[in-house]
Amino acid sequence: MPMLLVKGSFQITGSEPDGDTVGFVPTRHPDWNRVPGAARLDLTNSCRGKLRLDAVDALETHYGPTSAPAHQPLPFAHAARDELLAWLGFTDVRRAPDSERVVSADPESVPGWILTGGVDVHGRCVALAGRGPLPEGTRSSQEVSVGVPLLRRTVNHHLIERGLAYPTFYSNLFEDLREELAAVTRQARTAGTGLWPQDASTAGVKVTGLSSLTDEAVVVPKLFRRLYDHLASGEFSVPAFRAFLAGAADTYRITSSATPRAQVRGLHHVVEVTDDGTVRMTRPIEELVFTEA
């Protein structure tokens, strides 16, 4: 899979990194211009962009309105965030009281590199992220063929292997990389690693209110976000959730179905709501491949 390789450094002071987003500054600032969709990049004055880790979805630390953000169970959300920062090389991260905002970090920046195929609708560079010097035989700002061995050198692979984040796949990720991450997901689930012993995505969670999602149930973040958005609409009822999902219009395919290339529209096809208000996914998240917005 060809992706653009960019050398730079990870920087987090003044930002709110979580388990799947972190700040990055290229060594050569013009390298941002080579990223497909660069016009949509949301950059600071110092040319720091926000990376969205490709294929990784960690529990939310802050979602929704900035005045009153919601979160998923914080022990697991923070475990993913802390592992991401530690793996990259940050050893002392300090935050403002009762906040996700970093006020200082040691070191201030850590060297690394990213492999990217483009920018998402929120202005974030979607990337695989590695630490330290560039992979042998490569140079910055060149197209690199990315296979499984290189994928295994990234924090994306590390977080899923540790069971600290869920996979969430989009159609621009090549099949060999997706299959590797899906296999690693199943291994972590079977071994009971990380969040998997608490995962209720397919077992089901009884939703009685927002606290069911923020403090109790560990579920796939995409399901959490859809449930939160339904709650925030002011017209929440668990039985109506599937109709809400039909209107949300997520488009994806199911790799384990009889027609794995067929496009499906709406998560109501893979989400079940029982009479007692229990919500569950009928397919594991690694079997869904979403279409980019």
C-alpha atoms as a PDB file:
ATOM      1  CA  MET A   1       0.000   0.000   0.000  1.00  0.00           C
ATOM      2  CA  PRO A   2       1.665   3.296  -1.051  1.00  0.00           C
ATOM      3  CA  MET A   3       1.546   6.067   1.547  1.00  0.00           C
ATOM      4  CA  LEU A   4       3.403   9.335   1.983  1.00  0.00           C
ATOM      5  CA  LEU A   5       6.237   9.091   4.520  1.00  0.00           C
ATOM      6  CA  VAL A   6       6.883  12.286   6.490  1.00  0.00           C
ATOM      7  CA  LYS A   7       9.610  12.824   9.082  1.00  0.00           C
ATOM      8  CA  GLY A   8       8.936  15.112  12.015  1.00  0.00           C
ATOM      9  CA  SER A   9       8.176  15.241  15.705  1.00  0.00           C
ATOM     10  CA  PHE A  10       5.241  14.614  17.990  1.00  0.00           C
ATOM     11  CA  GLN A  11       4.219  17.577  20.164  1.00  0.00           C
ATOM     12  CA  ILE A  12       1.414  17.653  22.709  1.00  0.00           C
ATOM     13  CA  THR A  13       1.736  20.750  24.947  1.00  0.00           C
ATOM     14  CA  GLY A  14      -1.387  22.905  24.716  1.00  0.00           C
ATOM     15  CA  SER A  15      -3.442  20.119  23.149  1.00  0.00           C
ATOM     16  CA  GLU A  16      -5.773  17.356  24.339  1.00  0.00           C
ATOM     17  CA  PRO A  17      -4.322  14.104  23.002  1.00  0.00           C
ATOM     18  CA  ASP A  18      -6.353  10.958  23.479  1.00  0.00           C
ATOM     19  CA  GLY A  19      -5.880   7.313  22.573  1.00  0.00           C
ATOM     20  CA  ASP A  20      -6.081   7.875  18.824  1.00  0.00           C
ATOM     21  CA  THR A  21      -5.118  11.525  18.215  1.00  0.00           C
ATOM     22  CA  VAL A  22      -1.825  13.342  18.765  1.00  0.00           C
ATOM     23  CA  GLY A  23      -0.043  16.425  17.429  1.00  0.00           C
ATOM     24  CA  PHE A  24       2.680  16.217  14.752  1.00  0.00           C
ATOM     25  CA  VAL A  25       4.970  18.756  13.101  1.00  0.00           C
ATOM     26  CA  PRO A  26       6.942  17.846   9.946  1.00  0.00           C
ATOM     27  CA  THR A  27      10.660  18.610   9.950  1.00  0.00           C
ATOM     28  CA  ARG A  28      10.002  20.434   6.684  1.00  0.00           C
ATOM     29  CA  HIS A  29       6.732  22.311   7.060  1.00  0.00           C
ATOM     30  CA  PRO A  30       6.032  22.277   3.272  1.00  0.00           C
ATOM     31  CA  ASP A  31       5.727  18.478   3.489  1.00  0.00           C
ATOM     32  CA  TRP A  32       2.148  19.051   4.654  1.00  0.00           C
ATOM     33  CA  ASN A  33       1.383  20.265   1.140  1.00  0.00           C
ATOM     34  CA  ARG A  34       2.120  16.811  -0.283  1.00  0.00           C
ATOM     35  CA  VAL A  35      -0.537  15.109   1.829  1.00  0.00           C
ATOM     36  CA  PRO A  36      -3.646  14.330  -0.259  1.00  0.00           C
ATOM     37  CA  GLY A  37      -6.385  16.738   0.804  1.00  0.00           C
ATOM     38  CA  ALA A  38      -3.859  19.147   2.363  1.00  0.00           C
ATOM     39  CA  ALA A  39      -6.206  22.096   1.793  1.00  0.00           C
ATOM     40  CA  ARG A  40      -8.443  20.699   4.542  1.00  0.00           C
ATOM     41  CA  LEU A  41      -5.662  20.336   7.129  1.00  0.00           C
ATOM     42  CA  ASP A  42      -6.292  22.170  10.388  1.00  0.00           C
ATOM     43  CA  LEU A  43      -2.859  23.519  11.395  1.00  0.00           C
ATOM     44  CA  THR A  44      -1.677  25.733  14.244  1.00  0.00           C
ATOM     45  CA  ASN A  45       0.578  28.751  13.670  1.00  0.00           C
ATOM     46  CA  SER A  46       3.557  26.483  14.380  1.00  0.00           C
ATOM     47  CA  CYS A  47       2.398  24.078  11.640  1.00  0.00           C
ATOM     48  CA  ARG A  48       1.313  21.449  14.126  1.00  0.00           C
ATOM     49  CA  GLY A  49      -1.397  19.231  12.753  1.00  0.00           C
ATOM     50  CA  LYS A  50      -3.602  16.750  14.535  1.00  0.00           C
ATOM     51  CA  LEU A  51      -3.035  13.118  13.593  1.00  0.00           C
ATOM     52  CA  ARG A  52      -5.909  10.673  13.604  1.00  0.00           C
ATOM     53  CA  LEU A  53      -4.435   7.195  13.962  1.00  0.00           C
ATOM     54  CA  ASP A  54      -5.576   5.131  10.992  1.00  0.00           C
ATOM     55  CA  ALA A  55      -7.728   2.070  11.835  1.00  0.00           C
ATOM     56  CA  VAL A  56      -7.673   2.841  15.591  1.00  0.00           C
ATOM     57  CA  ASP A  57     -10.648   3.974  17.690  1.00  0.00           C
ATOM     58  CA  ALA A  58      -9.923   4.474  21.389  1.00  0.00           C
ATOM     59  CA  LEU A  59     -12.576   5.182  24.004  1.00  0.00           C
ATOM     60  CA  GLU A  60     -13.588   8.830  24.023  1.00  0.00           C
ATOM     61  CA  THR A  61     -12.089  11.184  26.601  1.00  0.00           C
ATOM     62  CA  HIS A  62     -14.092  14.189  25.377  1.00  0.00           C
ATOM     63  CA  TYR A  63     -16.918  14.042  22.861  1.00  0.00           C
ATOM     64  CA  GLY A  64     -19.701  16.454  22.060  1.00  0.00           C
ATOM     65  CA  PRO A  65     -20.013  20.155  22.957  1.00  0.00           C
ATOM     66  CA  THR A  66     -16.832  21.707  24.328  1.00  0.00           C
ATOM     67  CA  SER A  67     -18.893  23.281  27.127  1.00  0.00           C
ATOM     68  CA  ALA A  68     -19.973  19.868  28.419  1.00  0.00           C
ATOM     69  CA  PRO A  69     -18.058  17.063  26.710  1.00  0.00           C
ATOM     70  CA  ALA A  70     -18.974  13.448  27.390  1.00  0.00           C
ATOM     71  CA  HIS A  71     -16.600  10.559  27.787  1.00  0.00           C
ATOM     72  CA  GLN A  72     -16.540   6.795  27.912  1.00  0.00           C
ATOM     73  CA  PRO A  73     -15.269   4.924  31.008  1.00  0.00           C
ATOM     74  CA  LEU A  74     -12.126   6.919  31.735  1.00  0.00           C
ATOM     75  CA  PRO A  75      -9.838   4.186  33.095  1.00  0.00           C
ATOM     76  CA  PHE A  76      -9.761   2.557  29.652  1.00  0.00           C
ATOM     77  CA  ALA A  77      -9.829   5.838  27.711  1.00  0.00           C
ATOM     78  CA  HIS A  78      -6.854   7.120  29.709  1.00  0.00           C
ATOM     79  CA  ALA A  79      -5.014   3.802  29.483  1.00  0.00           C
ATOM     80  CA  ALA A  80      -5.006   4.078  25.665  1.00  0.00           C
ATOM     81  CA  ARG A  81      -3.945   7.728  25.779  1.00  0.00           C
ATOM     82  CA  ASP A  82      -1.159   7.104  28.271  1.00  0.00           C
ATOM     83  CA  GLU A  83       0.156   4.092  26.334  1.00  0.00           C
ATOM     84  CA  LEU A  84       0.185   6.088  23.089  1.00  0.00           C
ATOM     85  CA  LEU A  85       2.217   8.904  24.638  1.00  0.00           C
ATOM     86  CA  ALA A  86       4.578   6.575  26.492  1.00  0.00           C
ATOM     87  CA  TRP A  87       5.208   4.477  23.369  1.00  0.00           C
ATOM     88  CA  LEU A  88       6.059   7.602  21.394  1.00  0.00           C
ATOM     89  CA  GLY A  89       8.570   8.634  24.069  1.00  0.00           C
ATOM     90  CA  PHE A  90       6.905  11.149  26.405  1.00  0.00           C
ATOM     91  CA  THR A  91       7.971  10.412  29.986  1.00  0.00           C
ATOM     92  CA  ASP A  92       6.385  13.200  32.056  1.00  0.00           C
ATOM     93  CA  VAL A  93       3.059  14.645  30.920  1.00  0.00           C
ATOM     94  CA  ARG A  94       1.274  17.204  33.084  1.00  0.00           C
ATOM     95  CA  ARG A  95      -2.292  18.384  32.594  1.00  0.00           C
ATOM     96  CA  ALA A  96      -4.380  21.255  33.852  1.00  0.00           C
ATOM     97  CA  PRO A  97      -6.526  20.325  36.885  1.00  0.00           C
ATOM     98  CA  ASP A  98      -9.687  18.413  35.920  1.00  0.00           C
ATOM     99  CA  SER A  99      -8.776  18.752  32.257  1.00  0.00           C
ATOM    100  CA  GLU A 100      -7.450  16.741  29.325  1.00  0.00           C
ATOM    101  CA  ARG A 101      -5.264  19.679  28.233  1.00  0.00           C
ATOM    102  CA  VAL A 102      -1.506  19.143  28.468  1.00  0.00           C
ATOM    103  CA  VAL A 103       0.335  22.061  30.071  1.00  0.00           C
ATOM    104  CA  SER A 104       3.842  20.575  29.889  1.00  0.00           C
ATOM    105  CA  ALA A 105       5.581  17.455  28.644  1.00  0.00           C
ATOM    106  CA  ASP A 106       9.049  15.984  28.950  1.00  0.00           C
ATOM    107  CA  PRO A 107      10.516  15.977  26.429  1.00  0.00           C
ATOM    108  CA  GLU A 108       8.723  18.831  24.687  1.00  0.00           C
ATOM    109  CA  SER A 109       8.810  16.873  21.430  1.00  0.00           C
ATOM    110  CA  VAL A 110       9.831  13.393  20.348  1.00  0.00           C
ATOM    111  CA  PRO A 111      11.150  12.455  16.895  1.00  0.00           C
ATOM    112  CA  GLY A 112       9.142  10.178  14.678  1.00  0.00           C
ATOM    113  CA  TRP A 113       7.452   9.704  11.351  1.00  0.00           C
ATOM    114  CA  ILE A 114       4.054   9.163   9.838  1.00  0.00           C
ATOM    115  CA  LEU A 115       2.652   7.282   6.862  1.00  0.00           C
ATOM    116  CA  THR A 116      -0.451   8.975   5.516  1.00  0.00           C
ATOM    117  CA  GLY A 117      -2.938   8.637   2.699  1.00  0.00           C
ATOM    118  CA  GLY A 118      -4.896  11.819   3.316  1.00  0.00           C
ATOM    119  CA  VAL A 119      -6.968  14.128   5.495  1.00  0.00           C
ATOM    120  CA  ASP A 120     -10.375  13.427   7.031  1.00  0.00           C
ATOM    121  CA  VAL A 121     -13.430  15.706   7.010  1.00  0.00           C
ATOM    122  CA  HIS A 122     -12.402  17.161  10.386  1.00  0.00           C
ATOM    123  CA  GLY A 123      -9.056  18.423   9.078  1.00  0.00           C
ATOM    124  CA  ARG A 124      -6.985  15.685  10.723  1.00  0.00           C
ATOM    125  CA  CYS A 125      -4.169  13.844   8.968  1.00  0.00           C
ATOM    126  CA  VAL A 126      -5.072  10.143   8.994  1.00  0.00           C
ATOM    127  CA  ALA A 127      -1.853   8.214   9.522  1.00  0.00           C
ATOM    128  CA  LEU A 128       0.154   5.307  10.774  1.00  0.00           C
ATOM    129  CA  ALA A 129       2.651   6.648  13.314  1.00  0.00           C
ATOM    130  CA  GLY A 130       6.157   5.436  14.127  1.00  0.00           C
ATOM    131  CA  ARG A 131       8.827   6.562  16.550  1.00  0.00           C
ATOM    132  CA  GLY A 132      12.512   7.358  16.190  1.00  0.00           C
ATOM    133  CA  PRO A 133      14.499   7.486  12.921  1.00  0.00           C
ATOM    134  CA  LEU A 134      12.940   6.808   9.552  1.00  0.00           C
ATOM    135  CA  PRO A 135      12.669   3.150   8.499  1.00  0.00           C
ATOM    136  CA  GLU A 136      15.877   1.955   6.870  1.00  0.00           C
ATOM    137  CA  GLY A 137      16.156   2.675   3.161  1.00  0.00           C
ATOM    138  CA  THR A 138      13.547   5.459   3.142  1.00  0.00           C
ATOM    139  CA  ARG A 139      13.589   9.218   3.073  1.00  0.00           C
ATOM    140  CA  SER A 140      11.070  11.833   4.093  1.00  0.00           C
ATOM    141  CA  SER A 141       8.444  13.116   1.672  1.00  0.00           C
ATOM    142  CA  GLN A 142       8.469  10.007  -0.517  1.00  0.00           C
ATOM    143  CA  GLU A 143       5.813   7.448  -1.350  1.00  0.00           C
ATOM    144  CA  VAL A 144       6.465   4.201   0.500  1.00  0.00           C
ATOM    145  CA  SER A 145       4.897   0.803  -0.079  1.00  0.00           C
ATOM    146  CA  VAL A 146       3.462  -0.192   3.307  1.00  0.00           C
ATOM    147  CA  GLY A 147       3.169  -3.862   4.139  1.00  0.00           C
ATOM    148  CA  VAL A 148       2.541  -5.789   7.332  1.00  0.00           C
ATOM    149  CA  PRO A 149       6.189  -5.637   8.594  1.00  0.00           C
ATOM    150  CA  LEU A 150       6.119  -1.826   8.517  1.00  0.00           C
ATOM    151  CA  LEU A 151       2.622  -1.730  10.013  1.00  0.00           C
ATOM    152  CA  ARG A 152       3.937  -3.727  12.982  1.00  0.00           C
ATOM    153  CA  ARG A 153       6.394  -0.899  13.721  1.00  0.00           C
ATOM    154  CA  THR A 154       3.594   1.605  14.328  1.00  0.00           C
ATOM    155  CA  VAL A 155       1.692   2.623  17.433  1.00  0.00           C
ATOM    156  CA  ASN A 156      -1.521   1.800  15.555  1.00  0.00           C
ATOM    157  CA  HIS A 157      -0.606  -1.880  15.589  1.00  0.00           C
ATOM    158  CA  HIS A 158       0.701  -1.650  19.162  1.00  0.00           C
ATOM    159  CA  LEU A 159      -2.514  -0.238  20.652  1.00  0.00           C
ATOM    160  CA  ILE A 160      -4.708  -2.855  19.007  1.00  0.00           C
ATOM    161  CA  GLU A 161      -2.297  -5.649  19.895  1.00  0.00           C
ATOM    162  CA  ARG A 162      -2.434  -4.530  23.540  1.00  0.00           C
ATOM    163  CA  GLY A 163      -6.231  -4.510  23.472  1.00  0.00           C
ATOM    164  CA  LEU A 164      -6.302  -0.841  24.475  1.00  0.00           C
ATOM    165  CA  ALA A 165      -8.322   0.360  21.491  1.00  0.00           C
ATOM    166  CA  TYR A 166     -10.830  -0.979  19.021  1.00  0.00           C
ATOM    167  CA  PRO A 167     -10.113  -1.262  15.314  1.00  0.00           C
ATOM    168  CA  THR A 168     -12.285   0.779  12.983  1.00  0.00           C
ATOM    169  CA  PHE A 169     -11.558   0.205   9.322  1.00  0.00           C
ATOM    170  CA  TYR A 170     -12.194   2.412   6.303  1.00  0.00           C
ATOM    171  CA  SER A 171     -12.077   1.369   2.694  1.00  0.00           C
ATOM    172  CA  ASN A 172      -8.817   3.192   1.893  1.00  0.00           C
ATOM    173  CA  LEU A 173      -6.849   0.781   4.120  1.00  0.00           C
ATOM    174  CA  PHE A 174      -5.363  -2.046   2.062  1.00  0.00           C
ATOM    175  CA  GLU A 175      -6.651  -5.538   2.731  1.00  0.00           C
ATOM    176  CA  ASP A 176      -3.390  -7.039   3.989  1.00  0.00           C
ATOM    177  CA  LEU A 177      -3.081  -4.321   6.633  1.00  0.00           C
ATOM    178  CA  ARG A 178      -6.730  -4.658   7.619  1.00  0.00           C
ATOM    179  CA  GLU A 179      -6.486  -8.438   7.857  1.00  0.00           C
ATOM    180  CA  GLU A 180      -3.409  -8.143  10.085  1.00  0.00           C
ATOM    181  CA  LEU A 181      -5.150  -5.741  12.446  1.00  0.00           C
ATOM    182  CA  ALA A 182      -8.321  -7.856  12.458  1.00  0.00           C
ATOM    183  CA  ALA A 183      -6.269 -10.924  13.374  1.00  0.00           C
ATOM    184  CA  VAL A 184      -4.499  -9.016  16.149  1.00  0.00           C
ATOM    185  CA  THR A 185      -7.883  -7.843  17.433  1.00  0.00           C
ATOM    186  CA  ARG A 186      -9.183 -11.404  17.649  1.00  0.00           C
ATOM    187  CA  GLN A 187      -6.003 -12.509  19.424  1.00  0.00           C
ATOM    188  CA  ALA A 188      -6.343  -9.739  22.020  1.00  0.00           C
ATOM    189  CA  ARG A 189     -10.021 -10.555  22.547  1.00  0.00           C
ATOM    190  CA  THR A 190      -9.305 -14.274  23.000  1.00  0.00           C
ATOM    191  CA  ALA A 191      -6.444 -13.550  25.405  1.00  0.00           C
ATOM    192  CA  GLY A 192      -8.573 -11.158  27.437  1.00  0.00           C
ATOM    193  CA  THR A 193      -6.100  -8.328  26.957  1.00  0.00           C
ATOM    194  CA  GLY A 194      -6.770  -4.690  27.818  1.00  0.00           C
ATOM    195  CA  LEU A 195     -10.386  -3.612  27.584  1.00  0.00           C
ATOM    196  CA  TRP A 196     -11.683  -6.845  26.045  1.00  0.00           C
ATOM    197  CA  PRO A 197     -12.814  -8.537  29.277  1.00  0.00           C
ATOM    198  CA  GLN A 198     -15.139  -5.540  29.837  1.00  0.00           C
ATOM    199  CA  ASP A 199     -16.287  -5.138  26.228  1.00  0.00           C
ATOM    200  CA  ALA A 200     -20.087  -5.129  25.955  1.00  0.00           C
ATOM    201  CA  SER A 201     -20.424  -4.245  22.270  1.00  0.00           C
ATOM    202  CA  THR A 202     -21.825  -7.597  21.149  1.00  0.00           C
ATOM    203  CA  ALA A 203     -22.939  -8.868  24.576  1.00  0.00           C
ATOM    204  CA  GLY A 204     -25.168  -5.826  24.960  1.00  0.00           C
ATOM    205  CA  VAL A 205     -25.598  -2.884  27.302  1.00  0.00           C
ATOM    206  CA  LYS A 206     -28.858  -1.839  28.941  1.00  0.00           C
ATOM    207  CA  VAL A 207     -29.147   1.889  28.287  1.00  0.00           C
ATOM    208  CA  THR A 208     -31.026   3.751  31.009  1.00  0.00           C
ATOM    209  CA  GLY A 209     -29.382   7.123  30.436  1.00  0.00           C
ATOM    210  CA  LEU A 210     -26.121   8.841  29.629  1.00  0.00           C
ATOM    211  CA  SER A 211     -24.346   7.387  32.663  1.00  0.00           C
ATOM    212  CA  SER A 212     -24.830   3.912  31.199  1.00  0.00           C
ATOM    213  CA  LEU A 213     -22.421   4.974  28.468  1.00  0.00           C
ATOM    214  CA  THR A 214     -20.069   7.374  30.236  1.00  0.00           C
ATOM    215  CA  ASP A 215     -19.364   5.468  33.434  1.00  0.00           C
ATOM    216  CA  GLU A 216     -20.447   1.867  33.000  1.00  0.00           C
ATOM    217  CA  ALA A 217     -20.414   0.229  29.572  1.00  0.00           C
ATOM    218  CA  VAL A 218     -17.289  -0.326  27.488  1.00  0.00           C
ATOM    219  CA  VAL A 219     -18.447  -0.378  23.872  1.00  0.00           C
ATOM    220  CA  VAL A 220     -17.129   0.404  20.407  1.00  0.00           C
ATOM    221  CA  PRO A 221     -16.686   4.213  20.259  1.00  0.00           C
ATOM    222  CA  LYS A 222     -18.692   4.514  17.038  1.00  0.00           C
ATOM    223  CA  LEU A 223     -21.660   2.888  18.808  1.00  0.00           C
ATOM    224  CA  PHE A 224     -21.118   5.200  21.801  1.00  0.00           C
ATOM    225  CA  ARG A 225     -21.093   8.265  19.538  1.00  0.00           C
ATOM    226  CA  ARG A 226     -24.314   7.258  17.816  1.00  0.00           C
ATOM    227  CA  LEU A 227     -26.003   6.561  21.163  1.00  0.00           C
ATOM    228  CA  TYR A 228     -24.773   9.874  22.553  1.00  0.00           C
ATOM    229  CA  ASP A 229     -26.004  11.773  19.500  1.00  0.00           C
ATOM    230  CA  HIS A 230     -29.411  10.101  19.863  1.00  0.00           C
ATOM    231  CA  LEU A 231     -29.523  11.040  23.558  1.00  0.00           C
ATOM    232  CA  ALA A 232     -28.476  14.606  22.769  1.00  0.00           C
ATOM    233  CA  SER A 233     -31.250  14.964  20.183  1.00  0.00           C
ATOM    234  CA  GLY A 234     -33.730  15.376  23.035  1.00  0.00           C
ATOM    235  CA  GLU A 235     -35.989  12.690  21.634  1.00  0.00           C
ATOM    236  CA  PHE A 236     -34.234   9.677  23.074  1.00  0.00           C
ATOM    237  CA  SER A 237     -35.910   6.357  23.394  1.00  0.00           C
ATOM    238  CA  VAL A 238     -34.069   3.067  23.158  1.00  0.00           C
ATOM    239  CA  PRO A 239     -36.690   1.484  20.839  1.00  0.00           C
ATOM    240  CA  ALA A 240     -36.270   4.426  18.426  1.00  0.00           C
ATOM    241  CA  PHE A 241     -32.496   4.062  18.286  1.00  0.00           C
ATOM    242  CA  ARG A 242     -32.493   1.770  15.240  1.00  0.00           C
ATOM    243  CA  ALA A 243     -34.549   4.323  13.303  1.00  0.00           C
ATOM    244  CA  PHE A 244     -32.013   6.972  14.331  1.00  0.00           C
ATOM    245  CA  LEU A 245     -29.209   4.761  13.006  1.00  0.00           C
ATOM    246  CA  ALA A 246     -31.032   4.353   9.705  1.00  0.00           C
ATOM    247  CA  GLY A 247     -31.051   8.128   9.369  1.00  0.00           C
ATOM    248  CA  ALA A 248     -27.388   8.513  10.319  1.00  0.00           C
ATOM    249  CA  ALA A 249     -26.523   6.751   7.044  1.00  0.00           C
ATOM    250  CA  ASP A 250     -23.162   5.166   7.854  1.00  0.00           C
ATOM    251  CA  THR A 251     -22.098   3.205   4.776  1.00  0.00           C
ATOM    252  CA  TYR A 252     -19.985   0.066   5.110  1.00  0.00           C
ATOM    253  CA  ARG A 253     -19.539  -3.505   4.014  1.00  0.00           C
ATOM    254  CA  ILE A 254     -19.476  -6.665   6.123  1.00  0.00           C
ATOM    255  CA  THR A 255     -16.450  -8.812   5.356  1.00  0.00           C
ATOM    256  CA  SER A 256     -17.984 -11.980   6.832  1.00  0.00           C
ATOM    257  CA  SER A 257     -21.262 -11.743   4.914  1.00  0.00           C
ATOM    258  CA  ALA A 258     -22.224 -13.855   1.921  1.00  0.00           C
ATOM    259  CA  THR A 259     -21.643 -10.749  -0.224  1.00  0.00           C
ATOM    260  CA  PRO A 260     -18.582  -9.118   1.394  1.00  0.00           C
ATOM    261  CA  ARG A 261     -18.259  -6.456  -1.314  1.00  0.00           C
ATOM    262  CA  ALA A 262     -21.863  -5.286  -1.048  1.00  0.00           C
ATOM    263  CA  GLN A 263     -22.418  -1.839   0.456  1.00  0.00           C
ATOM    264  CA  VAL A 264     -24.766  -1.584   3.435  1.00  0.00           C
ATOM    265  CA  ARG A 265     -26.317   1.726   4.474  1.00  0.00           C
ATOM    266  CA  GLY A 266     -27.183   2.327   8.115  1.00  0.00           C
ATOM    267  CA  LEU A 267     -25.883   0.693  11.303  1.00  0.00           C
ATOM    268  CA  HIS A 268     -29.403  -0.491  12.133  1.00  0.00           C
ATOM    269  CA  HIS A 269     -28.526  -3.555  10.043  1.00  0.00           C
ATOM    270  CA  VAL A 270     -25.897  -4.599  12.601  1.00  0.00           C
ATOM    271  CA  VAL A 271     -27.382  -3.219  15.824  1.00  0.00           C
ATOM    272  CA  GLU A 272     -30.128  -4.942  17.781  1.00  0.00           C
ATOM    273  CA  VAL A 273     -32.382  -3.346  20.407  1.00  0.00           C
ATOM    274  CA  THR A 274     -34.290  -5.665  22.725  1.00  0.00           C
ATOM    275  CA  ASP A 275     -37.547  -5.000  24.555  1.00  0.00           C
ATOM    276  CA  ASP A 276     -35.751  -4.346  27.854  1.00  0.00           C
ATOM    277  CA  GLY A 277     -33.645  -1.542  26.334  1.00  0.00           C
ATOM    278  CA  THR A 278     -30.486  -3.532  25.682  1.00  0.00           C
ATOM    279  CA  VAL A 279     -28.411  -2.405  22.709  1.00  0.00           C
ATOM    280  CA  ARG A 280     -25.918  -4.749  21.076  1.00  0.00           C
ATOM    281  CA  MET A 281     -23.966  -5.087  17.863  1.00  0.00           C
ATOM    282  CA  THR A 282     -24.648  -8.280  15.947  1.00  0.00           C
ATOM    283  CA  ARG A 283     -21.243  -8.209  14.214  1.00  0.00           C
ATOM    284  CA  PRO A 284     -17.823  -7.595  15.760  1.00  0.00           C
ATOM    285  CA  ILE A 285     -16.334  -4.271  14.771  1.00  0.00           C
ATOM    286  CA  GLU A 286     -13.413  -5.805  12.836  1.00  0.00           C
ATOM    287  CA  GLU A 287     -15.873  -7.260  10.299  1.00  0.00           C
ATOM    288  CA  LEU A 288     -17.083  -3.791   9.214  1.00  0.00           C
ATOM    289  CA  VAL A 289     -15.283  -1.683   6.610  1.00  0.00           C
ATOM    290  CA  PHE A 290     -16.677   1.843   6.433  1.00  0.00           C
ATOM    291  CA  THR A 291     -16.752   4.209   3.468  1.00  0.00           C
ATOM    292  CA  GLU A 292     -15.005   7.524   4.057  1.00  0.00           C
ATOM    293  CA  ALA A 293     -17.306  10.497   4.487  1.00  0.00           C
END
